[in-house]
C-alpha atoms as a PDB file:
ATOM      1  CA  MET A   1      90.348  94.832  47.277  1.00  0.00           C
ATOM      2  CA  ARG A   2      91.967  93.866  50.077  1.00  0.00           C
ATOM      3  CA  ARG A   3      92.009  97.551  50.718  1.00  0.00           C
ATOM      4  CA  ARG A   4      88.339  98.313  50.638  1.00  0.00           C
ATOM      5  CA  ARG A   5      88.234  95.622  52.892  1.00  0.00           C
ATOM      6  CA  GLY A   6      90.241  96.826  55.215  1.00  0.00           C
ATOM      7  CA  GLY A   7      88.680  99.901  54.575  1.00  0.00           C
ATOM      8  CA  LEU A   8      84.828  98.507  55.216  1.00  0.00           C
ATOM      9  CA  ARG A   9      86.303  96.122  58.215  1.00  0.00           C
ATOM     10  CA  SER A  10      87.759  99.738  59.947  1.00  0.00           C
ATOM     11  CA  GLU A  11      84.601 101.236  59.579  1.00  0.00           C
ATOM     12  CA  ARG A  12      82.798  98.439  61.415  1.00  0.00           C
ATOM     13  CA  LEU A  13      85.844  98.621  64.368  1.00  0.00           C
ATOM     14  CA  ALA A  14      85.570 102.773  64.199  1.00  0.00           C
ATOM     15  CA  PRO A  15      82.083 102.320  66.804  1.00  0.00           C
ATOM     16  CA  LEU A  16      83.348  99.946  68.899  1.00  0.00           C
ATOM     17  CA  VAL A  17      86.588 101.322  69.788  1.00  0.00           C
ATOM     18  CA  LEU A  18      84.564 104.811  70.632  1.00  0.00           C
ATOM     19  CA  LEU A  19      82.904 102.842  72.647  1.00  0.00           C
ATOM     20  CA  ALA A  20      85.151 100.761  74.584  1.00  0.00           C
ATOM     21  CA  PRO A  21      86.113 103.353  77.141  1.00  0.00           C
ATOM     22  CA  ALA A  22      82.602 104.193  78.357  1.00  0.00           C
ATOM     23  CA  VAL A  23      81.988 100.431  78.498  1.00  0.00           C
ATOM     24  CA  LEU A  24      85.364  99.920  80.207  1.00  0.00           C
ATOM     25  CA  VAL A  25      84.340 102.300  82.856  1.00  0.00           C
ATOM     26  CA  ILE A  26      80.707 100.997  83.648  1.00  0.00           C
ATOM     27  CA  VAL A  27      81.698  97.327  84.153  1.00  0.00           C
ATOM     28  CA  GLY A  28      84.610  98.437  86.048  1.00  0.00           C
ATOM     29  CA  LEU A  29      83.063 101.186  88.097  1.00  0.00           C
ATOM     30  CA  ARG A  30      79.513 100.438  88.257  1.00  0.00           C
ATOM     31  CA  LEU A  31      78.353  96.778  87.241  1.00  0.00           C
ATOM     32  CA  TRP A  32      81.066  94.927  88.314  1.00  0.00           C
ATOM     33  CA  PRO A  33      81.062  96.457  91.848  1.00  0.00           C
ATOM     34  CA  LEU A  34      77.197  95.665  91.842  1.00  0.00           C
ATOM     35  CA  VAL A  35      77.825  92.185  91.666  1.00  0.00           C
ATOM     36  CA  LEU A  36      80.699  92.115  94.184  1.00  0.00           C
ATOM     37  CA  GLY A  37      77.872  93.479  96.205  1.00  0.00           C
ATOM     38  CA  ILE A  38      75.123  91.200  95.809  1.00  0.00           C
ATOM     39  CA  ASN A  39      77.462  88.470  96.265  1.00  0.00           C
ATOM     40  CA  PHE A  40      78.237  90.268  99.535  1.00  0.00           C
ATOM     41  CA  SER A  41      75.207  90.005 100.617  1.00  0.00           C
ATOM     42  CA  PHE A  42      75.098  86.626 100.730  1.00  0.00           C
ATOM     43  CA  THR A  43      77.490  86.416 103.335  1.00  0.00           C
ATOM     44  CA  GLY A  44      76.933  86.398 107.056  1.00  0.00           C
ATOM     45  CA  ASP A  45      78.627  89.311 109.948  1.00  0.00           C
ATOM     46  CA  GLY A  46      79.929  89.425 113.058  1.00  0.00           C
ATOM     47  CA  ASP A  47      80.459  85.413 114.161  1.00  0.00           C
ATOM     48  CA  ARG A  48      79.689  84.454 110.602  1.00  0.00           C
ATOM     49  CA  ASP A  49      81.660  87.205 108.843  1.00  0.00           C
ATOM     50  CA  GLY A  50      82.427  85.875 105.161  1.00  0.00           C
ATOM     51  CA  GLN A  51      80.036  82.833 105.227  1.00  0.00           C
ATOM     52  CA  ALA A  52      77.629  81.831 103.210  1.00  0.00           C
ATOM     53  CA  VAL A  53      74.466  82.208 104.560  1.00  0.00           C
ATOM     54  CA  GLY A  54      72.048  81.975 102.091  1.00  0.00           C
ATOM     55  CA  PHE A  55      69.190  84.273 102.229  1.00  0.00           C
ATOM     56  CA  ASP A  56      69.263  84.915 105.950  1.00  0.00           C
ATOM     57  CA  ASN A  57      70.121  88.648 105.544  1.00  0.00           C
ATOM     58  CA  TYR A  58      67.047  89.164 102.998  1.00  0.00           C
ATOM     59  CA  LEU A  59      64.852  87.241 105.656  1.00  0.00           C
ATOM     60  CA  THR A  60      66.077  89.821 108.659  1.00  0.00           C
ATOM     61  CA  LEU A  61      65.165  92.652 106.186  1.00  0.00           C
ATOM     62  CA  LEU A  62      61.840  90.932 106.140  1.00  0.00           C
ATOM     63  CA  GLY A  63      61.920  91.049 109.792  1.00  0.00           C
ATOM     64  CA  ASP A  64      63.017  94.457 110.413  1.00  0.00           C
ATOM     65  CA  PRO A  65      59.846  96.987 111.645  1.00  0.00           C
ATOM     66  CA  LEU A  66      62.359  99.547 110.584  1.00  0.00           C
ATOM     67  CA  PHE A  67      62.876  97.954 106.774  1.00  0.00           C
ATOM     68  CA  ARG A  68      59.601  97.804 106.463  1.00  0.00           C
ATOM     69  CA  THR A  69      59.050 101.197 107.156  1.00  0.00           C
ATOM     70  CA  ALA A  70      61.508 102.008 104.568  1.00  0.00           C
ATOM     71  CA  LEU A  71      59.640 100.007 102.045  1.00  0.00           C
ATOM     72  CA  ARG A  72      56.166 101.450 102.874  1.00  0.00           C
ATOM     73  CA  ASN A  73      57.802 104.805 102.327  1.00  0.00           C
ATOM     74  CA  VAL A  74      58.788 103.803  99.120  1.00  0.00           C
ATOM     75  CA  GLY A  75      55.411 103.025  98.022  1.00  0.00           C
ATOM     76  CA  LEU A  76      54.584 106.366  99.239  1.00  0.00           C
ATOM     77  CA  LEU A  77      57.220 108.170  96.893  1.00  0.00           C
ATOM     78  CA  VAL A  78      55.656 106.296  94.339  1.00  0.00           C
ATOM     79  CA  LEU A  79      52.245 107.780  94.500  1.00  0.00           C
ATOM     80  CA  LEU A  80      53.854 111.396  95.360  1.00  0.00           C
ATOM     81  CA  LEU A  81      55.577 110.809  91.905  1.00  0.00           C
ATOM     82  CA  PRO A  82      53.142 112.575  89.456  1.00  0.00           C
ATOM     83  CA  VAL A  83      53.372 115.690  91.923  1.00  0.00           C
ATOM     84  CA  ALA A  84      56.877 116.030  91.787  1.00  0.00           C
ATOM     85  CA  VAL A  85      56.646 115.572  87.956  1.00  0.00           C
ATOM     86  CA  ALA A  86      53.522 117.278  87.491  1.00  0.00           C
ATOM     87  CA  VAL A  87      55.433 120.122  89.637  1.00  0.00           C
ATOM     88  CA  PRO A  88      58.465 121.248  87.053  1.00  0.00           C
ATOM     89  CA  GLY A  89      56.647 120.182  84.086  1.00  0.00           C
ATOM     90  CA  LEU A  90      53.896 123.143  84.766  1.00  0.00           C
ATOM     91  CA  LEU A  91      56.541 125.787  85.575  1.00  0.00           C
ATOM     92  CA  ALA A  92      57.956 124.694  82.539  1.00  0.00           C
ATOM     93  CA  THR A  93      54.818 125.019  80.293  1.00  0.00           C
ATOM     94  CA  PHE A  94      53.903 128.407  81.780  1.00  0.00           C
ATOM     95  CA  ILE A  95      57.662 129.473  81.277  1.00  0.00           C
ATOM     96  CA  TYR A  96      57.129 128.038  77.627  1.00  0.00           C
ATOM     97  CA  LEU A  97      54.207 130.000  77.129  1.00  0.00           C
ATOM     98  CA  LYS A  98      56.088 133.216  78.653  1.00  0.00           C
ATOM     99  CA  VAL A  99      54.229 134.195  81.186  1.00  0.00           C
ATOM    100  CA  PRO A 100      55.500 137.510  82.740  1.00  0.00           C
ATOM    101  CA  GLY A 101      58.280 137.502  83.887  1.00  0.00           C
ATOM    102  CA  HIS A 102      59.311 134.141  82.567  1.00  0.00           C
ATOM    103  CA  ARG A 103      63.045 134.779  82.188  1.00  0.00           C
ATOM    104  CA  VAL A 104      63.497 135.636  86.188  1.00  0.00           C
ATOM    105  CA  HIS A 105      61.495 132.753  87.142  1.00  0.00           C
ATOM    106  CA  ARG A 106      63.545 130.419  84.951  1.00  0.00           C
ATOM    107  CA  GLY A 107      66.697 131.293  87.000  1.00  0.00           C
ATOM    108  CA  VAL A 108      64.815 131.779  89.807  1.00  0.00           C
ATOM    109  CA  TYR A 109      63.035 128.354  89.516  1.00  0.00           C
ATOM    110  CA  PHE A 110      66.317 126.775  88.880  1.00  0.00           C
ATOM    111  CA  PHE A 111      68.301 128.106  92.080  1.00  0.00           C
ATOM    112  CA  PRO A 112      67.559 125.475  94.653  1.00  0.00           C
ATOM    113  CA  ALA A 113      69.099 123.132  92.707  1.00  0.00           C
ATOM    114  CA  VAL A 114      72.404 124.230  93.328  1.00  0.00           C
ATOM    115  CA  LEU A 115      72.277 124.180  96.840  1.00  0.00           C
ATOM    116  CA  SER A 116      73.744 120.867  99.143  1.00  0.00           C
ATOM    117  CA  PRO A 117      71.284 118.437 100.701  1.00  0.00           C
ATOM    118  CA  VAL A 118      72.661 119.671 103.810  1.00  0.00           C
ATOM    119  CA  ILE A 119      72.175 123.266 103.134  1.00  0.00           C
ATOM    120  CA  VAL A 120      68.505 122.872 101.995  1.00  0.00           C
ATOM    121  CA  GLY A 121      68.162 120.514 105.068  1.00  0.00           C
ATOM    122  CA  ALA A 122      69.082 123.125 107.779  1.00  0.00           C
ATOM    123  CA  ILE A 123      67.366 125.999 106.333  1.00  0.00           C
ATOM    124  CA  PHE A 124      64.136 123.895 106.202  1.00  0.00           C
ATOM    125  CA  THR A 125      64.757 122.469 109.710  1.00  0.00           C
ATOM    126  CA  LEU A 126      64.917 126.289 111.225  1.00  0.00           C
ATOM    127  CA  LEU A 127      61.635 127.395 108.773  1.00  0.00           C
ATOM    128  CA  LEU A 128      59.358 124.116 109.656  1.00  0.00           C
ATOM    129  CA  ALA A 129      60.408 124.086 113.917  1.00  0.00           C
ATOM    130  CA  PHE A 130      57.213 124.143 116.094  1.00  0.00           C
ATOM    131  CA  ASP A 131      57.840 127.561 117.215  1.00  0.00           C
ATOM    132  CA  GLY A 132      59.511 128.650 113.457  1.00  0.00           C
ATOM    133  CA  PRO A 133      58.022 130.912 110.473  1.00  0.00           C
ATOM    134  CA  VAL A 134      55.834 128.756 109.003  1.00  0.00           C
ATOM    135  CA  ASN A 135      53.940 127.952 112.140  1.00  0.00           C
ATOM    136  CA  ALA A 136      54.070 131.818 113.355  1.00  0.00           C
ATOM    137  CA  LEU A 137      52.520 132.529 109.960  1.00  0.00           C
ATOM    138  CA  LEU A 138      49.658 129.920 110.085  1.00  0.00           C
ATOM    139  CA  GLY A 139      49.293 131.406 113.590  1.00  0.00           C
ATOM    140  CA  LEU A 140      48.469 134.740 111.920  1.00  0.00           C
ATOM    141  CA  ALA A 141      46.058 132.854 109.840  1.00  0.00           C
ATOM    142  CA  GLY A 142      44.140 131.430 112.416  1.00  0.00           C
ATOM    143  CA  LEU A 143      45.407 127.735 111.898  1.00  0.00           C
ATOM    144  CA  GLY A 144      46.869 125.739 114.733  1.00  0.00           C
ATOM    145  CA  PRO A 145      50.592 124.962 114.300  1.00  0.00           C
ATOM    146  CA  VAL A 146      51.654 121.976 112.905  1.00  0.00           C
ATOM    147  CA  ASP A 147      54.336 119.923 114.035  1.00  0.00           C
ATOM    148  CA  TRP A 148      56.192 119.469 111.028  1.00  0.00           C
ATOM    149  CA  LEU A 149      59.168 117.264 111.656  1.00  0.00           C
ATOM    150  CA  GLY A 150      58.071 115.644 114.805  1.00  0.00           C
ATOM    151  CA  ASP A 151      54.585 113.861 114.017  1.00  0.00           C
ATOM    152  CA  PRO A 152      55.065 111.078 112.403  1.00  0.00           C
ATOM    153  CA  ASP A 153      52.029 110.832 109.907  1.00  0.00           C
ATOM    154  CA  VAL A 154      53.311 114.446 108.162  1.00  0.00           C
ATOM    155  CA  ALA A 155      57.345 114.037 108.613  1.00  0.00           C
ATOM    156  CA  ILE A 156      57.589 111.907 105.886  1.00  0.00           C
ATOM    157  CA  PHE A 157      55.696 114.698 103.603  1.00  0.00           C
ATOM    158  CA  ALA A 158      57.700 117.133 104.976  1.00  0.00           C
ATOM    159  CA  VAL A 159      60.484 116.095 104.005  1.00  0.00           C
ATOM    160  CA  VAL A 160      59.466 114.760 100.516  1.00  0.00           C
ATOM    161  CA  GLY A 161      57.965 118.350  99.953  1.00  0.00           C
ATOM    162  CA  VAL A 162      61.085 119.952 100.361  1.00  0.00           C
ATOM    163  CA  HIS A 163      63.227 117.483  98.483  1.00  0.00           C
ATOM    164  CA  VAL A 164      60.783 118.171  95.596  1.00  0.00           C
ATOM    165  CA  TRP A 165      61.650 122.341  96.153  1.00  0.00           C
ATOM    166  CA  ALA A 166      65.422 121.538  96.065  1.00  0.00           C
ATOM    167  CA  THR A 167      65.241 119.397  93.113  1.00  0.00           C
ATOM    168  CA  PHE A 168      62.234 120.123  90.547  1.00  0.00           C
ATOM    169  CA  GLY A 169      64.956 122.765  88.814  1.00  0.00           C
ATOM    170  CA  MET A 170      66.460 119.975  87.114  1.00  0.00           C
ATOM    171  CA  GLY A 171      63.128 118.590  85.759  1.00  0.00           C
ATOM    172  CA  LEU A 172      62.538 121.815  84.609  1.00  0.00           C
ATOM    173  CA  VAL A 173      65.419 122.206  82.455  1.00  0.00           C
ATOM    174  CA  VAL A 174      64.796 118.979  81.034  1.00  0.00           C
ATOM    175  CA  PHE A 175      60.859 119.587  79.966  1.00  0.00           C
ATOM    176  CA  LEU A 176      62.208 123.275  78.510  1.00  0.00           C
ATOM    177  CA  ALA A 177      64.573 121.448  76.545  1.00  0.00           C
ATOM    178  CA  GLY A 178      61.911 118.970  75.871  1.00  0.00           C
ATOM    179  CA  PHE A 179      59.899 121.980  74.593  1.00  0.00           C
ATOM    180  CA  ALA A 180      62.524 122.807  72.096  1.00  0.00           C
ATOM    181  CA  THR A 181      61.554 119.908  70.021  1.00  0.00           C
ATOM    182  CA  LEU A 182      57.547 120.770  69.977  1.00  0.00           C
ATOM    183  CA  ASP A 183      56.275 121.837  67.094  1.00  0.00           C
ATOM    184  CA  ARG A 184      54.325 125.472  68.017  1.00  0.00           C
ATOM    185  CA  SER A 185      52.122 125.352  65.139  1.00  0.00           C
ATOM    186  CA  LEU A 186      50.090 122.660  67.030  1.00  0.00           C
ATOM    187  CA  LEU A 187      49.490 125.023  70.063  1.00  0.00           C
ATOM    188  CA  ASP A 188      48.560 127.887  68.333  1.00  0.00           C
ATOM    189  CA  ALA A 189      45.964 125.936  65.835  1.00  0.00           C
ATOM    190  CA  ALA A 190      44.841 124.634  69.477  1.00  0.00           C
ATOM    191  CA  GLU A 191      44.461 128.058  70.796  1.00  0.00           C
ATOM    192  CA  VAL A 192      42.842 129.341  67.662  1.00  0.00           C
ATOM    193  CA  ASP A 193      40.168 126.975  67.802  1.00  0.00           C
ATOM    194  CA  GLY A 194      38.932 127.658  70.873  1.00  0.00           C
ATOM    195  CA  ALA A 195      41.129 125.346  73.274  1.00  0.00           C
ATOM    196  CA  SER A 196      41.520 126.188  76.792  1.00  0.00           C
ATOM    197  CA  LEU A 197      45.058 126.128  78.798  1.00  0.00           C
ATOM    198  CA  ALA A 198      44.198 122.541  80.368  1.00  0.00           C
ATOM    199  CA  GLN A 199      42.918 120.977  76.634  1.00  0.00           C
ATOM    200  CA  ARG A 200      46.078 122.690  75.393  1.00  0.00           C
ATOM    201  CA  ILE A 201      48.075 120.988  78.148  1.00  0.00           C
ATOM    202  CA  ARG A 202      46.549 117.543  77.424  1.00  0.00           C
ATOM    203  CA  HIS A 203      46.014 117.641  74.175  1.00  0.00           C
ATOM    204  CA  VAL A 204      48.993 118.964  72.643  1.00  0.00           C
ATOM    205  CA  VAL A 205      52.008 119.261  74.824  1.00  0.00           C
ATOM    206  CA  VAL A 206      51.302 115.732  77.429  1.00  0.00           C
ATOM    207  CA  PRO A 207      51.552 113.754  73.734  1.00  0.00           C
ATOM    208  CA  GLY A 208      54.358 115.938  72.273  1.00  0.00           C
ATOM    209  CA  LEU A 209      56.473 115.589  75.318  1.00  0.00           C
ATOM    210  CA  SER A 210      55.840 112.230  75.954  1.00  0.00           C
ATOM    211  CA  ARG A 211      59.321 110.867  75.852  1.00  0.00           C
ATOM    212  CA  THR A 212      61.004 113.838  77.803  1.00  0.00           C
ATOM    213  CA  ILE A 213      57.621 112.869  80.446  1.00  0.00           C
ATOM    214  CA  GLN A 214      58.954 109.241  80.509  1.00  0.00           C
ATOM    215  CA  PHE A 215      62.620 110.596  81.400  1.00  0.00           C
ATOM    216  CA  VAL A 216      61.504 112.722  84.115  1.00  0.00           C
ATOM    217  CA  PHE A 217      59.849 110.267  85.983  1.00  0.00           C
ATOM    218  CA  VAL A 218      62.593 107.613  85.736  1.00  0.00           C
ATOM    219  CA  THR A 219      65.373 110.054  86.573  1.00  0.00           C
ATOM    220  CA  THR A 220      62.711 111.578  89.447  1.00  0.00           C
ATOM    221  CA  MET A 221      62.289 108.284  90.664  1.00  0.00           C
ATOM    222  CA  ILE A 222      65.633 107.432  90.830  1.00  0.00           C
ATOM    223  CA  GLY A 223      66.595 110.891  92.914  1.00  0.00           C
ATOM    224  CA  LEU A 224      63.752 110.290  95.140  1.00  0.00           C
ATOM    225  CA  LEU A 225      65.161 106.540  96.092  1.00  0.00           C
ATOM    226  CA  THR A 226      68.644 107.757  96.301  1.00  0.00           C
ATOM    227  CA  SER A 227      68.925 111.342  96.989  1.00  0.00           C
ATOM    228  CA  MET A 228      66.851 112.352  99.962  1.00  0.00           C
ATOM    229  CA  PHE A 229      69.951 110.902 102.110  1.00  0.00           C
ATOM    230  CA  GLY A 230      71.271 114.629 103.205  1.00  0.00           C
ATOM    231  CA  LEU A 231      67.762 115.438 104.190  1.00  0.00           C
ATOM    232  CA  VAL A 232      67.009 113.099 106.008  1.00  0.00           C
ATOM    233  CA  TYR A 233      69.637 112.810 108.204  1.00  0.00           C
ATOM    234  CA  VAL A 234      69.970 116.645 108.590  1.00  0.00           C
ATOM    235  CA  MET A 235      65.749 116.837 109.034  1.00  0.00           C
ATOM    236  CA  THR A 236      64.878 113.998 111.355  1.00  0.00           C
ATOM    237  CA  SER A 237      67.944 111.472 111.526  1.00  0.00           C
ATOM    238  CA  GLY A 238      64.789 108.966 110.272  1.00  0.00           C
ATOM    239  CA  GLY A 239      62.374 109.599 112.979  1.00  0.00           C
ATOM    240  CA  PRO A 240      60.216 110.692 114.417  1.00  0.00           C
ATOM    241  CA  GLU A 241      59.484 106.784 115.480  1.00  0.00           C
ATOM    242  CA  GLY A 242      61.476 106.133 112.387  1.00  0.00           C
ATOM    243  CA  SER A 243      58.784 107.248 110.018  1.00  0.00           C
ATOM    244  CA  THR A 244      60.928 109.006 107.792  1.00  0.00           C
ATOM    245  CA  TYR A 245      63.120 105.830 107.153  1.00  0.00           C
ATOM    246  CA  LEU A 246      64.311 105.511 102.974  1.00  0.00           C
ATOM    247  CA  PRO A 247      66.132 102.524 101.928  1.00  0.00           C
ATOM    248  CA  GLU A 248      69.118 104.401 101.442  1.00  0.00           C
ATOM    249  CA  TYR A 249      69.052 105.321 105.511  1.00  0.00           C
ATOM    250  CA  TYR A 250      68.799 102.440 106.671  1.00  0.00           C
ATOM    251  CA  VAL A 251      72.315 101.143 104.526  1.00  0.00           C
ATOM    252  CA  TRP A 252      74.128 103.985 106.638  1.00  0.00           C
ATOM    253  CA  ILE A 253      72.943 103.049 109.646  1.00  0.00           C
ATOM    254  CA  GLN A 254      73.380  99.534 109.310  1.00  0.00           C
ATOM    255  CA  GLN A 255      76.576 100.164 107.304  1.00  0.00           C
ATOM    256  CA  GLY A 256      77.727 102.795 109.884  1.00  0.00           C
ATOM    257  CA  GLN A 257      76.578 102.302 113.412  1.00  0.00           C
ATOM    258  CA  PHE A 258      75.786  98.548 113.437  1.00  0.00           C
ATOM    259  CA  GLY A 259      78.375  97.204 112.130  1.00  0.00           C
ATOM    260  CA  GLN A 260      77.078  95.134 109.444  1.00  0.00           C
ATOM    261  CA  PRO A 261      77.956  95.527 105.962  1.00  0.00           C
ATOM    262  CA  ALA A 262      76.556  92.241 104.696  1.00  0.00           C
ATOM    263  CA  LEU A 263      72.959  93.128 105.613  1.00  0.00           C
ATOM    264  CA  ALA A 264      73.505  96.459 104.133  1.00  0.00           C
ATOM    265  CA  SER A 265      74.787  95.072 101.119  1.00  0.00           C
ATOM    266  CA  ALA A 266      71.295  92.519 100.945  1.00  0.00           C
ATOM    267  CA  ALA A 267      69.148  96.124 101.402  1.00  0.00           C
ATOM    268  CA  SER A 268      71.421  97.816  98.778  1.00  0.00           C
ATOM    269  CA  THR A 269      70.699  95.024  96.918  1.00  0.00           C
ATOM    270  CA  ALA A 270      67.034  95.001  97.356  1.00  0.00           C
ATOM    271  CA  LEU A 271      66.831  99.021  96.818  1.00  0.00           C
ATOM    272  CA  PHE A 272      68.426  98.331  93.390  1.00  0.00           C
ATOM    273  CA  LEU A 273      65.694  96.102  92.733  1.00  0.00           C
ATOM    274  CA  ILE A 274      63.244  98.000  93.926  1.00  0.00           C
ATOM    275  CA  MET A 275      64.693 101.062  91.111  1.00  0.00           C
ATOM    276  CA  LEU A 276      64.981  98.461  88.556  1.00  0.00           C
ATOM    277  CA  VAL A 277      61.248  97.025  88.452  1.00  0.00           C
ATOM    278  CA  VAL A 278      59.363 100.793  89.291  1.00  0.00           C
ATOM    279  CA  GLY A 279      61.305 102.519  86.559  1.00  0.00           C
ATOM    280  CA  LEU A 280      60.481  99.592  84.198  1.00  0.00           C
ATOM    281  CA  ALA A 281      57.125  99.198  85.353  1.00  0.00           C
ATOM    282  CA  GLN A 282      57.186 103.318  84.650  1.00  0.00           C
ATOM    283  CA  VAL A 283      58.571 102.811  81.383  1.00  0.00           C
ATOM    284  CA  ALA A 284      55.861 100.419  80.375  1.00  0.00           C
ATOM    285  CA  VAL A 285      52.738 102.214  81.417  1.00  0.00           C
ATOM    286  CA  LEU A 286      54.105 105.913  79.931  1.00  0.00           C
ATOM    287  CA  ARG A 287      54.635 104.365  76.447  1.00  0.00           C
ATOM    288  CA  ARG A 288      51.163 102.404  76.520  1.00  0.00           C
ATOM    289  CA  SER A 289      49.810 105.739  77.297  1.00  0.00           C
ATOM    290  CA  GLY A 290      51.437 107.361  74.593  1.00  0.00           C
ATOM    291  CA  ARG A 291      50.534 105.142  72.102  1.00  0.00           C
ATOM    292  CA  GLU A 292      46.785 105.090  73.275  1.00  0.00           C
ATOM    293  CA  ASP A 293      46.719 109.112  72.737  1.00  0.00           C
END
């Protein structure tokens, strides 16, 4: 009996022992620094360094037009998110359906994902220059030149478009992995019944990949909020007129150039809360739509 009890106890403890290293790493390198950063955001900068200032830093953020611009751009990113997810989703669908050249497309589509954001930003800074190749092609087509990186109303869309081009390869890989779990017979049956490509995608592919779509939505949103610093820094440096500011770039500016680490911590905390709220809202909406389907 003692041996049996000891064996049951060891079986119960085994999963905890195996998970302990990962939990310790997450707590030590993720959660604890997060708690310290949140606590630091309630202290002052400059003459009030280390002093508790309550919500003064957050009130300063709300009064800063650059931070409000960054928040407005976050809202724009949320609106553009379906496009950023649909691009790899549709391309993965075409590859799964084995369109001509699908083997080549698989490698070509993923290639931009291995490039550094700095390299991508430098390339597109040249391509999108006012006297660059893109405007030259527009001129040949009889269209006027566009100030892609100098017009405050256009620059943020140009940067987001470049980011989508540079990163959709990872989403493509995730979608292809999701297609491996999809029942091919359902697509074949829909095709035999005369369903069009759009109908097959709407009624077979989307419901079958609901969990994959949820994952790509969340990871793409995180990427839009936390992985665009290199592009913004190289292509626009937050300009023109601060129109391409994002929270992560704002954090770097406050920390590196203005020497206000407490204010930067407050902005980081705000970015974390935004990501948390948006992520949970996305998961809730996608789960509800999946149940309705």
